[in-house]
C-alpha atoms as a PDB file:
ATOM      1  CA  MET A   1      19.740 -22.057-159.314  1.00  0.00           C
ATOM      2  CA  ASN A   2      23.738 -22.359-158.883  1.00  0.00           C
ATOM      3  CA  ASP A   3      25.988 -20.135-157.293  1.00  0.00           C
ATOM      4  CA  LYS A   4      27.484 -18.717-160.905  1.00  0.00           C
ATOM      5  CA  GLN A   5      23.550 -18.137-161.765  1.00  0.00           C
ATOM      6  CA  LEU A   6      22.999 -16.317-158.524  1.00  0.00           C
ATOM      7  CA  VAL A   7      26.149 -14.058-158.861  1.00  0.00           C
ATOM      8  CA  ALA A   8      25.515 -13.053-162.261  1.00  0.00           C
ATOM      9  CA  ILE A   9      21.934 -12.066-161.325  1.00  0.00           C
ATOM     10  CA  GLN A  10      22.911  -9.972-158.501  1.00  0.00           C
ATOM     11  CA  ALA A  11      25.538  -7.929-160.724  1.00  0.00           C
ATOM     12  CA  ALA A  12      22.974  -7.555-163.480  1.00  0.00           C
ATOM     13  CA  GLN A  13      20.837  -5.531-160.777  1.00  0.00           C
ATOM     14  CA  HIS A  14      23.621  -2.977-160.969  1.00  0.00           C
ATOM     15  CA  VAL A  15      23.089  -2.044-164.537  1.00  0.00           C
ATOM     16  CA  GLN A  16      20.965   1.137-165.047  1.00  0.00           C
ATOM     17  CA  ASP A  17      19.252   2.710-168.013  1.00  0.00           C
ATOM     18  CA  GLY A  18      21.418   4.005-170.679  1.00  0.00           C
ATOM     19  CA  MET A  19      24.675   2.303-169.672  1.00  0.00           C
ATOM     20  CA  VAL A  20      27.551   1.043-171.954  1.00  0.00           C
ATOM     21  CA  VAL A  21      28.373  -2.201-170.454  1.00  0.00           C
ATOM     22  CA  GLY A  22      31.343  -4.439-171.013  1.00  0.00           C
ATOM     23  CA  LEU A  23      30.760  -8.331-171.234  1.00  0.00           C
ATOM     24  CA  GLY A  24      33.100 -10.903-169.731  1.00  0.00           C
ATOM     25  CA  THR A  25      33.851 -14.133-171.128  1.00  0.00           C
ATOM     26  CA  GLY A  26      33.331 -17.644-169.505  1.00  0.00           C
ATOM     27  CA  SER A  27      30.675 -19.379-167.783  1.00  0.00           C
ATOM     28  CA  THR A  28      29.810 -17.023-165.297  1.00  0.00           C
ATOM     29  CA  ALA A  29      30.014 -14.191-167.508  1.00  0.00           C
ATOM     30  CA  ASN A  30      27.200 -16.112-169.798  1.00  0.00           C
ATOM     31  CA  TYR A  31      24.905 -16.341-166.804  1.00  0.00           C
ATOM     32  CA  PHE A  32      25.456 -12.168-166.601  1.00  0.00           C
ATOM     33  CA  ILE A  33      24.754 -11.953-170.326  1.00  0.00           C
ATOM     34  CA  GLU A  34      21.612 -14.012-170.019  1.00  0.00           C
ATOM     35  CA  GLU A  35      20.111 -11.977-167.077  1.00  0.00           C
ATOM     36  CA  LEU A  36      21.299  -8.448-168.880  1.00  0.00           C
ATOM     37  CA  ALA A  37      19.394  -9.599-172.251  1.00  0.00           C
ATOM     38  CA  ARG A  38      16.256 -10.783-170.026  1.00  0.00           C
ATOM     39  CA  ARG A  39      16.259  -7.245-168.338  1.00  0.00           C
ATOM     40  CA  HIS A  40      16.767  -5.509-171.754  1.00  0.00           C
ATOM     41  CA  ARG A  41      13.912  -7.793-173.294  1.00  0.00           C
ATOM     42  CA  ASP A  42      11.347  -7.881-170.326  1.00  0.00           C
ATOM     43  CA  GLU A  43      12.036  -4.736-168.532  1.00  0.00           C
ATOM     44  CA  GLY A  44      12.739  -2.432-171.708  1.00  0.00           C
ATOM     45  CA  LEU A  45      16.233  -1.668-170.068  1.00  0.00           C
ATOM     46  CA  HIS A  46      18.405   0.261-172.615  1.00  0.00           C
ATOM     47  CA  ILE A  47      22.064  -0.417-172.665  1.00  0.00           C
ATOM     48  CA  THR A  48      24.746  -1.025-175.094  1.00  0.00           C
ATOM     49  CA  ALA A  49      27.176  -3.905-174.762  1.00  0.00           C
ATOM     50  CA  ALA A  50      30.768  -4.324-175.623  1.00  0.00           C
ATOM     51  CA  ALA A  51      32.181  -8.006-175.628  1.00  0.00           C
ATOM     52  CA  SER A  52      35.824  -8.811-174.489  1.00  0.00           C
ATOM     53  CA  SER A  53      35.961 -11.885-177.046  1.00  0.00           C
ATOM     54  CA  VAL A  54      34.487 -13.567-179.954  1.00  0.00           C
ATOM     55  CA  ALA A  55      32.824 -16.053-177.410  1.00  0.00           C
ATOM     56  CA  SER A  56      30.774 -13.125-175.468  1.00  0.00           C
ATOM     57  CA  THR A  57      30.082 -11.439-178.966  1.00  0.00           C
ATOM     58  CA  ILE A  58      28.250 -14.835-180.177  1.00  0.00           C
ATOM     59  CA  GLN A  59      26.541 -14.847-176.442  1.00  0.00           C
ATOM     60  CA  ALA A  60      25.494 -11.631-176.805  1.00  0.00           C
ATOM     61  CA  GLN A  61      24.178 -11.606-180.418  1.00  0.00           C
ATOM     62  CA  THR A  62      22.251 -14.884-179.586  1.00  0.00           C
ATOM     63  CA  HIS A  63      20.503 -13.165-176.957  1.00  0.00           C
ATOM     64  CA  GLY A  64      19.487  -9.964-178.963  1.00  0.00           C
ATOM     65  CA  LEU A  65      21.784  -7.400-176.920  1.00  0.00           C
ATOM     66  CA  PRO A  66      22.810  -4.254-179.067  1.00  0.00           C
ATOM     67  CA  LEU A  67      26.807  -4.456-179.270  1.00  0.00           C
ATOM     68  CA  VAL A  68      29.251  -1.749-180.117  1.00  0.00           C
ATOM     69  CA  ALA A  69      32.685  -2.554-181.456  1.00  0.00           C
ATOM     70  CA  LEU A  70      35.806  -1.613-179.310  1.00  0.00           C
ATOM     71  CA  GLU A  71      37.076   0.526-182.210  1.00  0.00           C
ATOM     72  CA  HIS A  72      33.679   2.826-181.808  1.00  0.00           C
ATOM     73  CA  LEU A  73      34.480   2.629-177.945  1.00  0.00           C
ATOM     74  CA  GLY A  74      35.714   5.575-176.100  1.00  0.00           C
ATOM     75  CA  ARG A  75      34.563   4.558-172.346  1.00  0.00           C
ATOM     76  CA  LEU A  76      32.349   2.170-170.411  1.00  0.00           C
ATOM     77  CA  ASP A  77      30.001   2.674-167.464  1.00  0.00           C
ATOM     78  CA  LEU A  78      30.588  -0.987-166.193  1.00  0.00           C
ATOM     79  CA  TYR A  79      32.535  -4.145-166.952  1.00  0.00           C
ATOM     80  CA  VAL A  80      31.586  -7.515-165.415  1.00  0.00           C
ATOM     81  CA  ASP A  81      33.638 -10.678-165.616  1.00  0.00           C
ATOM     82  CA  GLY A  82      35.229 -13.401-163.714  1.00  0.00           C
ATOM     83  CA  ALA A  83      38.792 -13.891-162.726  1.00  0.00           C
ATOM     84  CA  ASP A  84      40.775 -17.138-161.834  1.00  0.00           C
ATOM     85  CA  GLU A  85      42.109 -16.003-158.670  1.00  0.00           C
ATOM     86  CA  VAL A  86      41.306 -12.942-156.249  1.00  0.00           C
ATOM     87  CA  THR A  87      43.476 -11.702-153.217  1.00  0.00           C
ATOM     88  CA  THR A  88      42.093 -10.039-150.245  1.00  0.00           C
ATOM     89  CA  ASN A  89      43.138  -6.286-151.821  1.00  0.00           C
ATOM     90  CA  LEU A  90      41.179  -7.319-155.036  1.00  0.00           C
ATOM     91  CA  ALA A  91      43.986  -8.087-157.074  1.00  0.00           C
ATOM     92  CA  LEU A  92      43.126 -10.586-159.732  1.00  0.00           C
ATOM     93  CA  LEU A  93      44.702 -13.287-162.118  1.00  0.00           C
ATOM     94  CA  LYS A  94      43.044 -13.668-165.379  1.00  0.00           C
ATOM     95  CA  GLY A  95      43.920 -15.353-168.622  1.00  0.00           C
ATOM     96  CA  ARG A  96      43.264 -19.143-168.764  1.00  0.00           C
ATOM     97  CA  GLY A  97      41.240 -17.887-171.691  1.00  0.00           C
ATOM     98  CA  TYR A  98      42.884 -16.131-174.818  1.00  0.00           C
ATOM     99  CA  ASP A  99      41.646 -12.590-174.538  1.00  0.00           C
ATOM    100  CA  LEU A 100      43.838 -10.896-172.101  1.00  0.00           C
ATOM    101  CA  VAL A 101      44.268  -7.695-174.254  1.00  0.00           C
ATOM    102  CA  ARG A 102      40.476  -7.253-174.680  1.00  0.00           C
ATOM    103  CA  GLU A 103      39.830  -7.688-171.142  1.00  0.00           C
ATOM    104  CA  LYS A 104      42.143  -5.305-169.634  1.00  0.00           C
ATOM    105  CA  LEU A 105      41.448  -2.630-171.898  1.00  0.00           C
ATOM    106  CA  LEU A 106      37.566  -2.930-170.829  1.00  0.00           C
ATOM    107  CA  ALA A 107      38.728  -3.215-167.159  1.00  0.00           C
ATOM    108  CA  ARG A 108      40.783  -0.299-167.518  1.00  0.00           C
ATOM    109  CA  ALA A 109      38.269   2.033-169.501  1.00  0.00           C
ATOM    110  CA  SER A 110      35.181   1.156-167.198  1.00  0.00           C
ATOM    111  CA  GLU A 111      33.997   3.678-164.555  1.00  0.00           C
ATOM    112  CA  ARG A 112      33.190   0.393-162.748  1.00  0.00           C
ATOM    113  CA  PHE A 113      34.748  -3.024-162.801  1.00  0.00           C
ATOM    114  CA  ILE A 114      32.734  -5.999-160.956  1.00  0.00           C
ATOM    115  CA  VAL A 115      34.327  -9.383-160.584  1.00  0.00           C
ATOM    116  CA  LEU A 116      32.177 -12.563-160.221  1.00  0.00           C
ATOM    117  CA  VAL A 117      33.677 -15.397-158.672  1.00  0.00           C
ATOM    118  CA  ASP A 118      32.928 -18.193-156.230  1.00  0.00           C
ATOM    119  CA  LYS A 119      34.706 -18.911-152.851  1.00  0.00           C
ATOM    120  CA  SER A 120      37.290 -21.266-154.602  1.00  0.00           C
ATOM    121  CA  LYS A 121      38.801 -18.381-156.443  1.00  0.00           C
ATOM    122  CA  LEU A 122      39.985 -16.458-153.258  1.00  0.00           C
ATOM    123  CA  VAL A 123      43.743 -16.747-152.807  1.00  0.00           C
ATOM    124  CA  GLY A 124      46.506 -15.472-150.450  1.00  0.00           C
ATOM    125  CA  HIS A 125      48.633 -14.228-153.373  1.00  0.00           C
ATOM    126  CA  LEU A 126      48.703 -14.229-157.037  1.00  0.00           C
ATOM    127  CA  GLY A 127      49.879 -17.661-158.601  1.00  0.00           C
ATOM    128  CA  GLU A 128      48.685 -19.752-155.704  1.00  0.00           C
ATOM    129  CA  LYS A 129      46.646 -22.026-157.971  1.00  0.00           C
ATOM    130  CA  PHE A 130      47.531 -21.098-161.346  1.00  0.00           C
ATOM    131  CA  PRO A 131      50.657 -20.068-163.561  1.00  0.00           C
ATOM    132  CA  ILE A 132      50.866 -16.341-164.367  1.00  0.00           C
ATOM    133  CA  PRO A 133      49.844 -16.135-168.229  1.00  0.00           C
ATOM    134  CA  LEU A 134      51.673 -13.629-170.574  1.00  0.00           C
ATOM    135  CA  GLU A 135      50.867 -13.042-174.105  1.00  0.00           C
ATOM    136  CA  VAL A 136      53.960 -12.551-176.086  1.00  0.00           C
ATOM    137  CA  ILE A 137      54.976 -11.452-179.603  1.00  0.00           C
ATOM    138  CA  PRO A 138      55.751 -14.651-181.351  1.00  0.00           C
ATOM    139  CA  PHE A 139      58.956 -13.705-182.570  1.00  0.00           C
ATOM    140  CA  ALA A 140      60.076 -12.213-178.988  1.00  0.00           C
ATOM    141  CA  TRP A 141      59.062 -15.130-176.887  1.00  0.00           C
ATOM    142  CA  GLN A 142      62.397 -16.730-176.340  1.00  0.00           C
ATOM    143  CA  LEU A 143      63.793 -13.060-175.370  1.00  0.00           C
ATOM    144  CA  VAL A 144      61.002 -12.710-172.943  1.00  0.00           C
ATOM    145  CA  GLN A 145      61.858 -15.808-171.627  1.00  0.00           C
ATOM    146  CA  ALA A 146      65.448 -15.133-171.176  1.00  0.00           C
ATOM    147  CA  SER A 147      64.574 -11.870-169.345  1.00  0.00           C
ATOM    148  CA  LEU A 148      62.457 -13.733-166.956  1.00  0.00           C
ATOM    149  CA  GLN A 149      65.205 -16.334-166.401  1.00  0.00           C
ATOM    150  CA  GLN A 150      67.568 -13.575-165.275  1.00  0.00           C
ATOM    151  CA  LEU A 151      64.966 -12.632-162.774  1.00  0.00           C
ATOM    152  CA  GLY A 152      65.026 -16.447-161.662  1.00  0.00           C
ATOM    153  CA  ILE A 153      61.289 -16.846-162.948  1.00  0.00           C
ATOM    154  CA  ALA A 154      60.898 -19.828-164.891  1.00  0.00           C
ATOM    155  CA  SER A 155      58.205 -19.923-168.052  1.00  0.00           C
ATOM    156  CA  SER A 156      56.902 -22.336-170.461  1.00  0.00           C
ATOM    157  CA  LEU A 157      54.840 -22.116-173.675  1.00  0.00           C
ATOM    158  CA  ARG A 158      51.271 -22.960-173.194  1.00  0.00           C
ATOM    159  CA  GLN A 159      50.096 -25.931-175.277  1.00  0.00           C
ATOM    160  CA  ASN A 160      46.984 -25.862-177.076  1.00  0.00           C
ATOM    161  CA  ALA A 161      43.790 -28.044-175.880  1.00  0.00           C
ATOM    162  CA  ALA A 162      45.027 -30.941-178.265  1.00  0.00           C
ATOM    163  CA  LYS A 163      48.338 -30.804-176.836  1.00  0.00           C
ATOM    164  CA  ASP A 164      49.739 -30.969-180.529  1.00  0.00           C
ATOM    165  CA  GLY A 165      50.966 -27.369-180.736  1.00  0.00           C
ATOM    166  CA  TRP A 166      51.265 -23.959-178.978  1.00  0.00           C
ATOM    167  CA  ALA A 167      48.276 -21.914-177.787  1.00  0.00           C
ATOM    168  CA  ILE A 168      47.620 -19.032-179.851  1.00  0.00           C
ATOM    169  CA  THR A 169      45.540 -16.017-178.226  1.00  0.00           C
ATOM    170  CA  SER A 170      42.691 -13.986-180.427  1.00  0.00           C
ATOM    171  CA  HIS A 171      45.610 -11.523-181.345  1.00  0.00           C
ATOM    172  CA  GLY A 172      47.969 -14.238-182.649  1.00  0.00           C
ATOM    173  CA  SER A 173      50.197 -14.024-179.620  1.00  0.00           C
ATOM    174  CA  LEU A 174      51.952 -17.090-177.916  1.00  0.00           C
ATOM    175  CA  VAL A 175      51.234 -17.609-174.286  1.00  0.00           C
ATOM    176  CA  LEU A 176      53.981 -18.004-171.738  1.00  0.00           C
ATOM    177  CA  GLU A 177      53.208 -19.258-168.401  1.00  0.00           C
ATOM    178  CA  LEU A 178      55.085 -18.385-165.236  1.00  0.00           C
ATOM    179  CA  THR A 179      55.987 -20.420-162.170  1.00  0.00           C
ATOM    180  CA  LEU A 180      56.881 -17.928-159.789  1.00  0.00           C
ATOM    181  CA  PRO A 181      59.910 -18.453-157.370  1.00  0.00           C
ATOM    182  CA  LYS A 182      58.380 -16.647-154.512  1.00  0.00           C
ATOM    183  CA  THR A 183      55.238 -14.545-153.229  1.00  0.00           C
ATOM    184  CA  PHE A 184      54.895 -11.125-155.150  1.00  0.00           C
ATOM    185  CA  LYS A 185      53.018  -8.280-154.239  1.00  0.00           C
ATOM    186  CA  SER A 186      50.622  -7.759-156.848  1.00  0.00           C
ATOM    187  CA  ASP A 187      51.830  -4.489-157.524  1.00  0.00           C
ATOM    188  CA  GLU A 188      55.524  -5.328-157.553  1.00  0.00           C
ATOM    189  CA  LEU A 189      54.577  -8.258-160.006  1.00  0.00           C
ATOM    190  CA  ASN A 190      52.624  -5.808-162.337  1.00  0.00           C
ATOM    191  CA  ARG A 191      55.376  -3.222-162.549  1.00  0.00           C
ATOM    192  CA  LEU A 192      57.908  -6.029-163.304  1.00  0.00           C
ATOM    193  CA  LEU A 193      56.031  -7.649-166.205  1.00  0.00           C
ATOM    194  CA  ASN A 194      55.141  -4.318-167.597  1.00  0.00           C
ATOM    195  CA  ASP A 195      58.683  -3.286-167.939  1.00  0.00           C
ATOM    196  CA  ILE A 196      59.603  -6.394-170.020  1.00  0.00           C
ATOM    197  CA  PRO A 197      59.640  -5.832-173.810  1.00  0.00           C
ATOM    198  CA  GLY A 198      57.944  -8.163-175.902  1.00  0.00           C
ATOM    199  CA  ILE A 199      54.990  -8.751-173.372  1.00  0.00           C
ATOM    200  CA  VAL A 200      51.694  -7.940-175.032  1.00  0.00           C
ATOM    201  CA  GLU A 201      49.753  -8.415-172.070  1.00  0.00           C
ATOM    202  CA  HIS A 202      49.667 -10.265-168.954  1.00  0.00           C
ATOM    203  CA  GLY A 203      47.132 -11.800-166.470  1.00  0.00           C
ATOM    204  CA  VAL A 204      47.763  -9.740-163.359  1.00  0.00           C
ATOM    205  CA  PHE A 205      44.948  -7.187-163.063  1.00  0.00           C
ATOM    206  CA  ASP A 206      46.251  -4.853-160.130  1.00  0.00           C
ATOM    207  CA  GLU A 207      44.149  -2.007-158.708  1.00  0.00           C
ATOM    208  CA  LEU A 208      41.387  -2.646-161.527  1.00  0.00           C
ATOM    209  CA  ALA A 209      38.615  -4.226-159.834  1.00  0.00           C
ATOM    210  CA  ASP A 210      36.143  -2.041-158.052  1.00  0.00           C
ATOM    211  CA  ALA A 211      34.049  -4.867-156.523  1.00  0.00           C
ATOM    212  CA  VAL A 212      34.064  -8.519-156.264  1.00  0.00           C
ATOM    213  CA  PHE A 213      31.009 -10.515-155.774  1.00  0.00           C
ATOM    214  CA  VAL A 214      31.668 -14.108-154.006  1.00  0.00           C
ATOM    215  CA  ALA A 215      29.167 -16.812-154.410  1.00  0.00           C
ATOM    216  CA  ASP A 216      29.349 -19.500-151.710  1.00  0.00           C
ATOM    217  CA  ASN A 217      26.552 -22.137-151.161  1.00  0.00           C
ATOM    218  CA  GLY A 218      23.509 -19.874-152.365  1.00  0.00           C
ATOM    219  CA  GLN A 219      24.792 -16.796-150.768  1.00  0.00           C
ATOM    220  CA  VAL A 220      26.714 -13.479-152.345  1.00  0.00           C
ATOM    221  CA  GLU A 221      29.034 -11.453-150.667  1.00  0.00           C
ATOM    222  CA  GLU A 222      29.707  -8.008-152.126  1.00  0.00           C
ATOM    223  CA  ILE A 223      33.283  -6.617-151.511  1.00  0.00           C
ATOM    224  CA  TRP A 224      33.792  -3.308-152.459  1.00  0.00           C
ATOM    225  CA  LYS A 225      36.922  -1.390-152.784  1.00  0.00           C
ATOM    226  CA  ARG A 226      37.622   0.766-149.711  1.00  0.00           C
ATOM    227  CA  PRO A 227      39.395   4.238-150.102  1.00  0.00           C
ATOM    228  CA  GLY A 228      42.966   3.814-149.398  1.00  0.00           C
ATOM    229  CA  ASN A 229      42.837  -0.275-150.087  1.00  0.00           C
ATOM    230  CA  ILE A 230      46.125  -1.474-151.041  1.00  0.00           C
END
């Protein structure tokens, strides 16, 4: 069993009967979906799942999990997903995929948000290893880029996988990737990006995670948010 499987299985133990559970996207989230489906099948665990992407929808359907569409969803008990970077105050960077809007909706709507990572995802500040992604309205990307330039922040459009065009999110947005000129506190960066018109959503998830489960060489450490954690 690899670290991704181990941390996903541990997270699945926090799911209780009758919960509405948000499903993340990616390789670690897929292991969580598999374990959740096993508990549903073998233990008779009654849950309803909400998917953060088309990929996780297909994964859940394949494993026989009951799904509810986001438009019929008012709240969640638990959301479990991965992250690209995690700081010591549990701020997250997400968005190497293309479903930031759904992911942040689920993270904010859930009573508890558990993040699954391996030790390599721990960083001192957001943007340390990856650029900050922004979903932008296609007709507004140059205006958003100009607003960022006024703040001294360089940005460029993300290319698609084939490198022959621009990346398009599941909501039809373009993606700007930011190279930060300095280290920003996560709350400062979150406010700054929230204030720029034309940005649909961004990859800074500040004060949303309740816990981060970190896998490292066959061990899992659970880091829970403390009262007053900044």
